[in-house]
């Protein structure tokens, strides 16, 4: 009985490993590949312009201008 359970577990793990439907943690958030080969996750990123005080939400951290400061919230 125990041997059958171990064998069934091994077969299950092999099928799971070969399955394309298994979600990895990175699949729950979209990523985009940049022209330079870097990958930037698509997550709303609020940032503030230190010169004007304007706060804006950008679609990815890579879209935030270099001179802007990333903040927790625009509110």
PDB file of N, CA and C in Angstrom:
ATOM      1  N   UNK A   1       0.828  -1.195   0.000  1.00  0.00           N
ATOM      2  CA  UNK A   1       0.000   0.000   0.000  1.00  0.00           C
ATOM      3  C   UNK A   1       0.870   1.255   0.000  1.00  0.00           C
ATOM      4  N   UNK A   2       1.848   1.284   0.890  1.00  0.00           N
ATOM      5  CA  UNK A   2       2.736   2.441   0.983  1.00  0.00           C
ATOM      6  C   UNK A   2       3.521   2.626  -0.307  1.00  0.00           C
ATOM      7  N   UNK A   3       3.970   1.536  -0.875  1.00  0.00           N
ATOM      8  CA  UNK A   3       4.717   1.596  -2.128  1.00  0.00           C
ATOM      9  C   UNK A   3       3.847   2.164  -3.250  1.00  0.00           C
ATOM     10  N   UNK A   4       2.579   1.804  -3.277  1.00  0.00           N
ATOM     11  CA  UNK A   4       1.657   2.318  -4.293  1.00  0.00           C
ATOM     12  C   UNK A   4       1.458   3.821  -4.133  1.00  0.00           C
ATOM     13  N   UNK A   5       1.362   4.305  -2.897  1.00  0.00           N
ATOM     14  CA  UNK A   5       1.211   5.742  -2.655  1.00  0.00           C
ATOM     15  C   UNK A   5       2.455   6.514  -3.087  1.00  0.00           C
ATOM     16  N   UNK A   6       3.618   5.977  -2.786  1.00  0.00           N
ATOM     17  CA  UNK A   6       4.870   6.625  -3.194  1.00  0.00           C
ATOM     18  C   UNK A   6       4.952   6.676  -4.712  1.00  0.00           C
ATOM     19  N   UNK A   7       4.638   5.574  -5.358  1.00  0.00           N
ATOM     20  CA  UNK A   7       4.671   5.510  -6.815  1.00  0.00           C
ATOM     21  C   UNK A   7       3.680   6.506  -7.425  1.00  0.00           C
ATOM     22  N   UNK A   8       2.466   6.570  -6.882  1.00  0.00           N
ATOM     23  CA  UNK A   8       1.458   7.515  -7.380  1.00  0.00           C
ATOM     24  C   UNK A   8       1.929   8.954  -7.182  1.00  0.00           C
ATOM     25  N   UNK A   9       2.580   9.225  -6.058  1.00  0.00           N
ATOM     26  CA  UNK A   9       3.102  10.566  -5.802  1.00  0.00           C
ATOM     27  C   UNK A   9       4.181  10.956  -6.795  1.00  0.00           C
ATOM     28  N   UNK A  10       5.050  10.024  -7.120  1.00  0.00           N
ATOM     29  CA  UNK A  10       6.113  10.298  -8.098  1.00  0.00           C
ATOM     30  C   UNK A  10       5.511  10.595  -9.463  1.00  0.00           C
ATOM     31  N   UNK A  11       4.542   9.806  -9.881  1.00  0.00           N
ATOM     32  CA  UNK A  11       3.890  10.038 -11.177  1.00  0.00           C
ATOM     33  C   UNK A  11       3.189  11.390 -11.176  1.00  0.00           C
ATOM     34  N   UNK A  12       2.500  11.718 -10.095  1.00  0.00           N
ATOM     35  CA  UNK A  12       1.812  13.009 -10.001  1.00  0.00           C
ATOM     36  C   UNK A  12       2.803  14.164 -10.127  1.00  0.00           C
ATOM     37  N   UNK A  13       3.920  14.083  -9.416  1.00  0.00           N
ATOM     38  CA  UNK A  13       4.914  15.156  -9.470  1.00  0.00           C
ATOM     39  C   UNK A  13       5.528  15.294 -10.856  1.00  0.00           C
ATOM     40  N   UNK A  14       5.740  14.189 -11.544  1.00  0.00           N
ATOM     41  CA  UNK A  14       6.277  14.260 -12.903  1.00  0.00           C
ATOM     42  C   UNK A  14       5.275  14.926 -13.840  1.00  0.00           C
ATOM     43  N   UNK A  15       4.004  14.593 -13.714  1.00  0.00           N
ATOM     44  CA  UNK A  15       2.983  15.215 -14.549  1.00  0.00           C
ATOM     45  C   UNK A  15       2.851  16.691 -14.221  1.00  0.00           C
ATOM     46  N   UNK A  16       2.932  17.034 -12.961  1.00  0.00           N
ATOM     47  CA  UNK A  16       2.846  18.423 -12.540  1.00  0.00           C
ATOM     48  C   UNK A  16       4.013  19.222 -13.104  1.00  0.00           C
ATOM     49  N   UNK A  17       5.194  18.659 -13.075  1.00  0.00           N
ATOM     50  CA  UNK A  17       6.386  19.333 -13.583  1.00  0.00           C
ATOM     51  C   UNK A  17       6.286  19.559 -15.094  1.00  0.00           C
ATOM     52  N   UNK A  18       5.668  18.637 -15.821  1.00  0.00           N
ATOM     53  CA  UNK A  18       5.558  18.738 -17.274  1.00  0.00           C
ATOM     54  C   UNK A  18       4.352  19.545 -17.722  1.00  0.00           C
ATOM     55  N   UNK A  19       3.463  19.870 -16.814  1.00  0.00           N
ATOM     56  CA  UNK A  19       2.240  20.591 -17.157  1.00  0.00           C
ATOM     57  C   UNK A  19       2.541  22.047 -17.469  1.00  0.00           C
ATOM     58  N   UNK A  20       1.908  22.580 -18.522  1.00  0.00           N
ATOM     59  CA  UNK A  20       2.078  23.994 -18.871  1.00  0.00           C
ATOM     60  C   UNK A  20       1.028  24.848 -18.188  1.00  0.00           C
ATOM     61  N   UNK A  21       0.087  24.241 -17.508  1.00  0.00           N
ATOM     62  CA  UNK A  21      -0.987  24.993 -16.876  1.00  0.00           C
ATOM     63  C   UNK A  21      -0.661  25.389 -15.446  1.00  0.00           C
ATOM     64  N   UNK A  22       0.450  24.970 -14.933  1.00  0.00           N
ATOM     65  CA  UNK A  22       0.835  25.307 -13.568  1.00  0.00           C
ATOM     66  C   UNK A  22       1.244  26.769 -13.527  1.00  0.00           C
ATOM     67  N   UNK A  23       0.660  27.516 -12.604  1.00  0.00           N
ATOM     68  CA  UNK A  23       0.978  28.933 -12.482  1.00  0.00           C
ATOM     69  C   UNK A  23       2.165  29.120 -11.560  1.00  0.00           C
ATOM     70  N   UNK A  24       3.100  29.909 -12.004  1.00  0.00           N
ATOM     71  CA  UNK A  24       4.216  30.271 -11.140  1.00  0.00           C
ATOM     72  C   UNK A  24       3.892  31.618 -10.511  1.00  0.00           C
ATOM     73  N   UNK A  25       4.562  32.006  -9.434  1.00  0.00           N
ATOM     74  CA  UNK A  25       4.273  33.292  -8.787  1.00  0.00           C
ATOM     75  C   UNK A  25       4.388  34.483  -9.731  1.00  0.00           C
ATOM     76  N   UNK A  26       5.271  34.409 -10.724  1.00  0.00           N
ATOM     77  CA  UNK A  26       5.445  35.547 -11.626  1.00  0.00           C
ATOM     78  C   UNK A  26       4.314  35.663 -12.633  1.00  0.00           C
ATOM     79  N   UNK A  27       3.455  34.638 -12.771  1.00  0.00           N
ATOM     80  CA  UNK A  27       2.384  34.698 -13.743  1.00  0.00           C
ATOM     81  C   UNK A  27       1.167  35.451 -13.231  1.00  0.00           C
ATOM     82  N   UNK A  28       1.094  35.762 -11.942  1.00  0.00           N
ATOM     83  CA  UNK A  28      -0.059  36.488 -11.449  1.00  0.00           C
ATOM     84  C   UNK A  28       0.073  37.986 -11.691  1.00  0.00           C
ATOM     85  N   UNK A  29       1.229  38.449 -12.066  1.00  0.00           N
ATOM     86  CA  UNK A  29       1.445  39.841 -12.436  1.00  0.00           C
ATOM     87  C   UNK A  29       2.085  39.858 -13.808  1.00  0.00           C
ATOM     88  N   UNK A  30       1.638  40.764 -14.641  1.00  0.00           N
ATOM     89  CA  UNK A  30       2.188  40.825 -15.988  1.00  0.00           C
ATOM     90  C   UNK A  30       3.544  41.515 -15.979  1.00  0.00           C
ATOM     91  N   UNK A  31       4.389  41.071 -16.882  1.00  0.00           N
ATOM     92  CA  UNK A  31       5.696  41.682 -17.044  1.00  0.00           C
ATOM     93  C   UNK A  31       5.858  42.079 -18.499  1.00  0.00           C
ATOM     94  N   UNK A  32       6.657  43.089 -18.741  1.00  0.00           N
ATOM     95  CA  UNK A  32       6.957  43.464 -20.107  1.00  0.00           C
ATOM     96  C   UNK A  32       8.464  43.487 -20.276  1.00  0.00           C
ATOM     97  N   UNK A  33       8.916  43.059 -21.457  1.00  0.00           N
ATOM     98  CA  UNK A  33      10.348  43.081 -21.723  1.00  0.00           C
ATOM     99  C   UNK A  33      10.680  44.381 -22.429  1.00  0.00           C
ATOM    100  N   UNK A  34      11.656  45.077 -21.920  1.00  0.00           N
ATOM    101  CA  UNK A  34      12.087  46.347 -22.485  1.00  0.00           C
ATOM    102  C   UNK A  34      13.073  46.087 -23.617  1.00  0.00           C
ATOM    103  N   UNK A  35      13.258  47.080 -24.506  1.00  0.00           N
ATOM    104  CA  UNK A  35      14.171  46.892 -25.641  1.00  0.00           C
ATOM    105  C   UNK A  35      15.587  46.481 -25.230  1.00  0.00           C
ATOM    106  N   UNK A  36      16.040  46.912 -24.085  1.00  0.00           N
ATOM    107  CA  UNK A  36      17.398  46.581 -23.649  1.00  0.00           C
ATOM    108  C   UNK A  36      17.482  45.199 -22.996  1.00  0.00           C
ATOM    109  N   UNK A  37      16.388  44.431 -23.031  1.00  0.00           N
ATOM    110  CA  UNK A  37      16.379  43.089 -22.473  1.00  0.00           C
ATOM    111  C   UNK A  37      15.963  43.020 -21.017  1.00  0.00           C
ATOM    112  N   UNK A  38      15.814  44.166 -20.350  1.00  0.00           N
ATOM    113  CA  UNK A  38      15.355  44.175 -18.961  1.00  0.00           C
ATOM    114  C   UNK A  38      13.875  43.836 -18.916  1.00  0.00           C
ATOM    115  N   UNK A  39      13.435  43.313 -17.814  1.00  0.00           N
ATOM    116  CA  UNK A  39      12.020  43.018 -17.614  1.00  0.00           C
ATOM    117  C   UNK A  39      11.507  43.940 -16.525  1.00  0.00           C
ATOM    118  N   UNK A  40      10.337  44.547 -16.777  1.00  0.00           N
ATOM    119  CA  UNK A  40       9.751  45.453 -15.799  1.00  0.00           C
ATOM    120  C   UNK A  40       8.328  44.980 -15.505  1.00  0.00           C
ATOM    121  N   UNK A  41       8.040  44.714 -14.246  1.00  0.00           N
ATOM    122  CA  UNK A  41       6.723  44.223 -13.853  1.00  0.00           C
ATOM    123  C   UNK A  41       5.682  45.325 -14.015  1.00  0.00           C
ATOM    124  N   UNK A  42       4.494  44.953 -14.461  1.00  0.00           N
ATOM    125  CA  UNK A  42       3.413  45.916 -14.634  1.00  0.00           C
ATOM    126  C   UNK A  42       2.633  46.026 -13.328  1.00  0.00           C
ATOM    127  N   UNK A  43       2.982  47.025 -12.555  1.00  0.00           N
ATOM    128  CA  UNK A  43       2.311  47.302 -11.290  1.00  0.00           C
ATOM    129  C   UNK A  43       2.223  48.817 -11.159  1.00  0.00           C
ATOM    130  N   UNK A  44       1.044  49.323 -10.822  1.00  0.00           N
ATOM    131  CA  UNK A  44       0.849  50.772 -10.705  1.00  0.00           C
ATOM    132  C   UNK A  44       1.872  51.333  -9.723  1.00  0.00           C
ATOM    133  N   UNK A  45       2.612  52.339 -10.182  1.00  0.00           N
ATOM    134  CA  UNK A  45       3.683  52.926  -9.374  1.00  0.00           C
ATOM    135  C   UNK A  45       3.467  54.424  -9.237  1.00  0.00           C
ATOM    136  N   UNK A  46       3.034  54.904  -8.067  1.00  0.00           N
ATOM    137  CA  UNK A  46       2.868  56.341  -7.874  1.00  0.00           C
ATOM    138  C   UNK A  46       4.229  57.019  -7.699  1.00  0.00           C
ATOM    139  N   UNK A  47       4.329  58.236  -8.260  1.00  0.00           N
ATOM    140  CA  UNK A  47       5.576  59.001  -8.129  1.00  0.00           C
ATOM    141  C   UNK A  47       5.246  60.483  -8.113  1.00  0.00           C
ATOM    142  N   UNK A  48       6.135  61.254  -7.474  1.00  0.00           N
ATOM    143  CA  UNK A  48       5.943  62.699  -7.329  1.00  0.00           C
ATOM    144  C   UNK A  48       7.102  63.437  -7.991  1.00  0.00           C
ATOM    145  N   UNK A  49       6.743  64.493  -8.734  1.00  0.00           N
ATOM    146  CA  UNK A  49       7.736  65.372  -9.344  1.00  0.00           C
ATOM    147  C   UNK A  49       8.220  66.327  -8.258  1.00  0.00           C
ATOM    148  N   UNK A  50       9.492  66.255  -7.851  1.00  0.00           N
ATOM    149  CA  UNK A  50       9.964  67.113  -6.761  1.00  0.00           C
ATOM    150  C   UNK A  50       9.974  68.597  -7.125  1.00  0.00           C
ATOM    151  N   UNK A  51      10.015  68.904  -8.404  1.00  0.00           N
ATOM    152  CA  UNK A  51      10.033  70.307  -8.827  1.00  0.00           C
ATOM    153  C   UNK A  51       8.672  70.966  -8.772  1.00  0.00           C
ATOM    154  N   UNK A  52       7.632  70.229  -9.151  1.00  0.00           N
ATOM    155  CA  UNK A  52       6.288  70.811  -9.228  1.00  0.00           C
ATOM    156  C   UNK A  52       5.350  70.290  -8.149  1.00  0.00           C
ATOM    157  N   UNK A  53       5.695  69.169  -7.527  1.00  0.00           N
ATOM    158  CA  UNK A  53       4.810  68.560  -6.536  1.00  0.00           C
ATOM    159  C   UNK A  53       3.736  67.685  -7.163  1.00  0.00           C
ATOM    160  N   UNK A  54       3.692  67.638  -8.498  1.00  0.00           N
ATOM    161  CA  UNK A  54       2.693  66.813  -9.187  1.00  0.00           C
ATOM    162  C   UNK A  54       2.915  65.346  -8.835  1.00  0.00           C
ATOM    163  N   UNK A  55       1.825  64.640  -8.578  1.00  0.00           N
ATOM    164  CA  UNK A  55       1.886  63.213  -8.294  1.00  0.00           C
ATOM    165  C   UNK A  55       1.097  62.489  -9.376  1.00  0.00           C
ATOM    166  N   UNK A  56       1.641  61.402  -9.865  1.00  0.00           N
ATOM    167  CA  UNK A  56       1.022  60.680 -10.973  1.00  0.00           C
ATOM    168  C   UNK A  56       1.279  59.192 -10.785  1.00  0.00           C
ATOM    169  N   UNK A  57       0.342  58.363 -11.274  1.00  0.00           N
ATOM    170  CA  UNK A  57       0.519  56.914 -11.234  1.00  0.00           C
ATOM    171  C   UNK A  57       1.001  56.437 -12.598  1.00  0.00           C
ATOM    172  N   UNK A  58       2.080  55.667 -12.608  1.00  0.00           N
ATOM    173  CA  UNK A  58       2.656  55.133 -13.835  1.00  0.00           C
ATOM    174  C   UNK A  58       2.367  53.636 -13.920  1.00  0.00           C
ATOM    175  N   UNK A  59       2.258  53.083 -15.142  1.00  0.00           N
ATOM    176  CA  UNK A  59       1.905  51.668 -15.284  1.00  0.00           C
ATOM    177  C   UNK A  59       2.987  50.693 -14.820  1.00  0.00           C
ATOM    178  N   UNK A  60       4.240  51.117 -14.814  1.00  0.00           N
ATOM    179  CA  UNK A  60       5.333  50.268 -14.333  1.00  0.00           C
ATOM    180  C   UNK A  60       6.367  51.140 -13.636  1.00  0.00           C
ATOM    181  N   UNK A  61       7.198  50.568 -12.779  1.00  0.00           N
ATOM    182  CA  UNK A  61       8.279  51.347 -12.164  1.00  0.00           C
ATOM    183  C   UNK A  61       9.258  51.881 -13.205  1.00  0.00           C
ATOM    184  N   UNK A  62       9.393  51.192 -14.322  1.00  0.00           N
ATOM    185  CA  UNK A  62      10.320  51.626 -15.373  1.00  0.00           C
ATOM    186  C   UNK A  62       9.823  52.869 -16.103  1.00  0.00           C
ATOM    187  N   UNK A  63       8.529  53.176 -15.990  1.00  0.00           N
ATOM    188  CA  UNK A  63       7.963  54.351 -16.656  1.00  0.00           C
ATOM    189  C   UNK A  63       8.122  55.628 -15.837  1.00  0.00           C
ATOM    190  N   UNK A  64       8.521  55.500 -14.585  1.00  0.00           N
ATOM    191  CA  UNK A  64       8.700  56.679 -13.730  1.00  0.00           C
ATOM    192  C   UNK A  64       9.942  57.432 -14.209  1.00  0.00           C
ATOM    193  N   UNK A  65       9.804  58.743 -14.516  1.00  0.00           N
ATOM    194  CA  UNK A  65      10.979  59.514 -14.945  1.00  0.00           C
ATOM    195  C   UNK A  65      12.072  59.484 -13.873  1.00  0.00           C
ATOM    196  N   UNK A  66      13.319  59.525 -14.312  1.00  0.00           N
ATOM    197  CA  UNK A  66      14.462  59.397 -13.391  1.00  0.00           C
ATOM    198  C   UNK A  66      14.483  60.472 -12.315  1.00  0.00           C
ATOM    199  N   UNK A  67      14.005  61.678 -12.630  1.00  0.00           N
ATOM    200  CA  UNK A  67      14.062  62.761 -11.642  1.00  0.00           C
ATOM    201  C   UNK A  67      12.848  62.783 -10.711  1.00  0.00           C
ATOM    202  N   UNK A  68      11.882  61.880 -10.891  1.00  0.00           N
ATOM    203  CA  UNK A  68      10.720  61.794 -10.020  1.00  0.00           C
ATOM    204  C   UNK A  68      11.029  60.869  -8.846  1.00  0.00           C
ATOM    205  N   UNK A  69      10.317  61.070  -7.732  1.00  0.00           N
ATOM    206  CA  UNK A  69      10.484  60.241  -6.540  1.00  0.00           C
ATOM    207  C   UNK A  69       9.313  59.274  -6.427  1.00  0.00           C
ATOM    208  N   UNK A  70       9.594  57.985  -6.309  1.00  0.00           N
ATOM    209  CA  UNK A  70       8.533  56.994  -6.108  1.00  0.00           C
ATOM    210  C   UNK A  70       7.988  57.173  -4.698  1.00  0.00           C
ATOM    211  N   UNK A  71       6.649  57.152  -4.585  1.00  0.00           N
ATOM    212  CA  UNK A  71       5.979  57.320  -3.294  1.00  0.00           C
ATOM    213  C   UNK A  71       4.996  56.172  -3.095  1.00  0.00           C
ATOM    214  N   UNK A  72       4.472  56.031  -1.888  1.00  0.00           N
ATOM    215  CA  UNK A  72       3.506  54.964  -1.600  1.00  0.00           C
ATOM    216  C   UNK A  72       2.139  55.248  -2.192  1.00  0.00           C
ATOM    217  N   UNK A  73       1.764  56.529  -2.253  1.00  0.00           N
ATOM    218  CA  UNK A  73       0.432  56.901  -2.723  1.00  0.00           C
ATOM    219  C   UNK A  73       0.435  58.357  -3.153  1.00  0.00           C
ATOM    220  N   UNK A  74      -0.447  58.698  -4.074  1.00  0.00           N
ATOM    221  CA  UNK A  74      -0.593  60.094  -4.495  1.00  0.00           C
ATOM    222  C   UNK A  74      -1.623  60.826  -3.639  1.00  0.00           C
ATOM    223  N   UNK A  75      -2.234  60.156  -2.690  1.00  0.00           N
ATOM    224  CA  UNK A  75      -3.270  60.791  -1.870  1.00  0.00           C
ATOM    225  C   UNK A  75      -2.728  61.284  -0.568  1.00  0.00           C
TER     226      UNK A  75
END
